[in-house]
C-alpha atoms as a PDB file:
ATOM      1  CA  UNK A   1      20.692   2.326 -94.285  1.00  0.00           C
ATOM      2  CA  UNK A   2      19.873   5.981 -93.951  1.00  0.00           C
ATOM      3  CA  UNK A   3      21.726   7.255 -90.904  1.00  0.00           C
ATOM      4  CA  UNK A   4      20.473  10.851 -90.875  1.00  0.00           C
ATOM      5  CA  UNK A   5      17.325  11.487 -92.915  1.00  0.00           C
ATOM      6  CA  UNK A   6      17.401  15.233 -92.138  1.00  0.00           C
ATOM      7  CA  UNK A   7      20.868  15.560 -93.645  1.00  0.00           C
ATOM      8  CA  UNK A   8      19.867  13.356 -96.585  1.00  0.00           C
ATOM      9  CA  UNK A   9      16.850  15.582 -97.274  1.00  0.00           C
ATOM     10  CA  UNK A  10      19.053  18.696 -97.183  1.00  0.00           C
ATOM     11  CA  UNK A  11      21.447  17.154 -99.715  1.00  0.00           C
ATOM     12  CA  UNK A  12      18.610  15.941-101.924  1.00  0.00           C
ATOM     13  CA  UNK A  13      17.072  19.419-101.890  1.00  0.00           C
ATOM     14  CA  UNK A  14      20.420  20.863-102.974  1.00  0.00           C
ATOM     15  CA  UNK A  15      20.709  18.247-105.709  1.00  0.00           C
ATOM     16  CA  UNK A  16      17.336  19.304-107.126  1.00  0.00           C
ATOM     17  CA  UNK A  17      18.776  22.785-107.654  1.00  0.00           C
ATOM     18  CA  UNK A  18      21.341  21.254-110.025  1.00  0.00           C
ATOM     19  CA  UNK A  19      19.472  18.317-111.540  1.00  0.00           C
ATOM     20  CA  UNK A  20      16.375  19.913-113.013  1.00  0.00           C
ATOM     21  CA  UNK A  21      13.617  17.965-114.720  1.00  0.00           C
ATOM     22  CA  UNK A  22      14.328  19.622-118.078  1.00  0.00           C
ATOM     23  CA  UNK A  23      18.090  19.128-118.129  1.00  0.00           C
ATOM     24  CA  UNK A  24      18.510  15.878-116.163  1.00  0.00           C
ATOM     25  CA  UNK A  25      15.150  14.058-116.102  1.00  0.00           C
ATOM     26  CA  UNK A  26      16.460  10.687-114.937  1.00  0.00           C
ATOM     27  CA  UNK A  27      18.521  12.121-112.064  1.00  0.00           C
ATOM     28  CA  UNK A  28      15.650  14.461-111.156  1.00  0.00           C
ATOM     29  CA  UNK A  29      13.291  11.496-110.925  1.00  0.00           C
ATOM     30  CA  UNK A  30      15.725   9.463-108.820  1.00  0.00           C
ATOM     31  CA  UNK A  31      16.190  12.392-106.439  1.00  0.00           C
ATOM     32  CA  UNK A  32      12.417  12.620-106.003  1.00  0.00           C
ATOM     33  CA  UNK A  33      12.238   8.891-105.298  1.00  0.00           C
ATOM     34  CA  UNK A  34      14.988   9.145-102.689  1.00  0.00           C
ATOM     35  CA  UNK A  35      13.351  12.212-101.151  1.00  0.00           C
ATOM     36  CA  UNK A  36      10.075  10.348-100.804  1.00  0.00           C
ATOM     37  CA  UNK A  37      11.798   7.384 -99.224  1.00  0.00           C
ATOM     38  CA  UNK A  38      13.688   9.641 -96.789  1.00  0.00           C
ATOM     39  CA  UNK A  39      10.459  11.375 -95.766  1.00  0.00           C
ATOM     40  CA  UNK A  40       8.695   8.069 -95.170  1.00  0.00           C
ATOM     41  CA  UNK A  41      11.709   6.871 -93.191  1.00  0.00           C
ATOM     42  CA  UNK A  42      11.464   9.988 -91.009  1.00  0.00           C
ATOM     43  CA  UNK A  43       7.804   9.188 -90.371  1.00  0.00           C
ATOM     44  CA  UNK A  44       8.718   5.637 -89.367  1.00  0.00           C
ATOM     45  CA  UNK A  45      11.222   7.002 -86.821  1.00  0.00           C
ATOM     46  CA  UNK A  46       8.736   9.346 -85.177  1.00  0.00           C
ATOM     47  CA  UNK A  47       8.225   8.691 -81.489  1.00  0.00           C
ATOM     48  CA  UNK A  48       4.825   7.455 -80.412  1.00  0.00           C
ATOM     49  CA  UNK A  49       2.307  10.168 -79.649  1.00  0.00           C
ATOM     50  CA  UNK A  50       2.377  11.511 -76.105  1.00  0.00           C
ATOM     51  CA  UNK A  51       0.088   9.920 -73.575  1.00  0.00           C
ATOM     52  CA  UNK A  52      -1.512  11.585 -70.643  1.00  0.00           C
ATOM     53  CA  UNK A  53       0.566  10.622 -67.656  1.00  0.00           C
ATOM     54  CA  UNK A  54       0.389  11.817 -64.082  1.00  0.00           C
ATOM     55  CA  UNK A  55       0.145  15.569 -63.946  1.00  0.00           C
ATOM     56  CA  UNK A  56      -0.307  16.015 -67.704  1.00  0.00           C
ATOM     57  CA  UNK A  57      -3.087  18.294 -68.823  1.00  0.00           C
ATOM     58  CA  UNK A  58      -5.310  16.489 -71.313  1.00  0.00           C
ATOM     59  CA  UNK A  59      -5.627  19.584 -73.549  1.00  0.00           C
ATOM     60  CA  UNK A  60      -1.829  19.921 -73.784  1.00  0.00           C
ATOM     61  CA  UNK A  61      -1.420  16.231 -74.655  1.00  0.00           C
ATOM     62  CA  UNK A  62      -4.173  16.427 -77.274  1.00  0.00           C
ATOM     63  CA  UNK A  63      -2.692  19.602 -78.794  1.00  0.00           C
ATOM     64  CA  UNK A  64       0.789  18.041 -78.976  1.00  0.00           C
ATOM     65  CA  UNK A  65      -0.604  14.836 -80.492  1.00  0.00           C
ATOM     66  CA  UNK A  66      -2.526  16.787 -83.168  1.00  0.00           C
ATOM     67  CA  UNK A  67       0.549  18.871 -84.020  1.00  0.00           C
ATOM     68  CA  UNK A  68       2.689  15.732 -84.332  1.00  0.00           C
ATOM     69  CA  UNK A  69       0.083  14.054 -86.551  1.00  0.00           C
ATOM     70  CA  UNK A  70      -0.041  17.144 -88.790  1.00  0.00           C
ATOM     71  CA  UNK A  71       3.745  17.172 -89.239  1.00  0.00           C
ATOM     72  CA  UNK A  72       3.787  13.469 -90.083  1.00  0.00           C
ATOM     73  CA  UNK A  73       0.861  13.872 -92.480  1.00  0.00           C
ATOM     74  CA  UNK A  74       2.651  16.681 -94.328  1.00  0.00           C
ATOM     75  CA  UNK A  75       5.759  14.504 -94.714  1.00  0.00           C
ATOM     76  CA  UNK A  76       3.720  11.628 -96.112  1.00  0.00           C
ATOM     77  CA  UNK A  77       1.936  14.022 -98.465  1.00  0.00           C
ATOM     78  CA  UNK A  78       5.273  15.443 -99.676  1.00  0.00           C
ATOM     79  CA  UNK A  79       6.601  11.916-100.228  1.00  0.00           C
ATOM     80  CA  UNK A  80       3.619  10.913-102.320  1.00  0.00           C
ATOM     81  CA  UNK A  81       3.706  14.178-104.277  1.00  0.00           C
ATOM     82  CA  UNK A  82       7.299  13.348-105.206  1.00  0.00           C
ATOM     83  CA  UNK A  83       6.382   9.803-106.199  1.00  0.00           C
ATOM     84  CA  UNK A  84       3.529  11.129-108.330  1.00  0.00           C
ATOM     85  CA  UNK A  85       5.902  13.568-110.075  1.00  0.00           C
ATOM     86  CA  UNK A  86       8.187  10.689-110.965  1.00  0.00           C
ATOM     87  CA  UNK A  87       5.316   8.633-112.296  1.00  0.00           C
ATOM     88  CA  UNK A  88       4.182  11.514-114.489  1.00  0.00           C
ATOM     89  CA  UNK A  89       7.694  12.233-115.759  1.00  0.00           C
ATOM     90  CA  UNK A  90       8.877   8.723-116.540  1.00  0.00           C
ATOM     91  CA  UNK A  91       7.454   6.043-118.745  1.00  0.00           C
ATOM     92  CA  UNK A  92       8.286   2.379-118.917  1.00  0.00           C
ATOM     93  CA  UNK A  93       9.838   2.909-122.349  1.00  0.00           C
ATOM     94  CA  UNK A  94      11.781   6.133-121.751  1.00  0.00           C
ATOM     95  CA  UNK A  95      13.208   5.354-118.294  1.00  0.00           C
ATOM     96  CA  UNK A  96      12.650   1.690-117.426  1.00  0.00           C
ATOM     97  CA  UNK A  97      14.819   1.646-114.268  1.00  0.00           C
ATOM     98  CA  UNK A  98      13.246   4.759-112.766  1.00  0.00           C
ATOM     99  CA  UNK A  99       9.768   3.629-113.777  1.00  0.00           C
ATOM    100  CA  UNK A 100      10.346   0.234-112.141  1.00  0.00           C
ATOM    101  CA  UNK A 101      11.649   1.831-108.928  1.00  0.00           C
ATOM    102  CA  UNK A 102       8.585   4.068-108.756  1.00  0.00           C
ATOM    103  CA  UNK A 103       6.262   1.092-109.152  1.00  0.00           C
ATOM    104  CA  UNK A 104       7.726  -1.041-106.351  1.00  0.00           C
END
């Protein structure tokens, strides 16, 4: 399993500096797949949105909930952008393993 998705994302970001699409297309695609999976994993670990408990101001709870939803939405969007990049870069014929992983 993925123990620390933040650390994994840092390492994957560093790997993309080395494994560029032009020079290492298969590794580049795999890194994007892993990045997308790590982002979606982070979203799955997010705590539930805050609820208004005793003494909580409704506006503060709503503001915090909206901010949390925006962060999660951006992560999902980044994940799907990465998946889309892989789909555009790989074909079933040129990179069958990567293509298959992207279509799961």
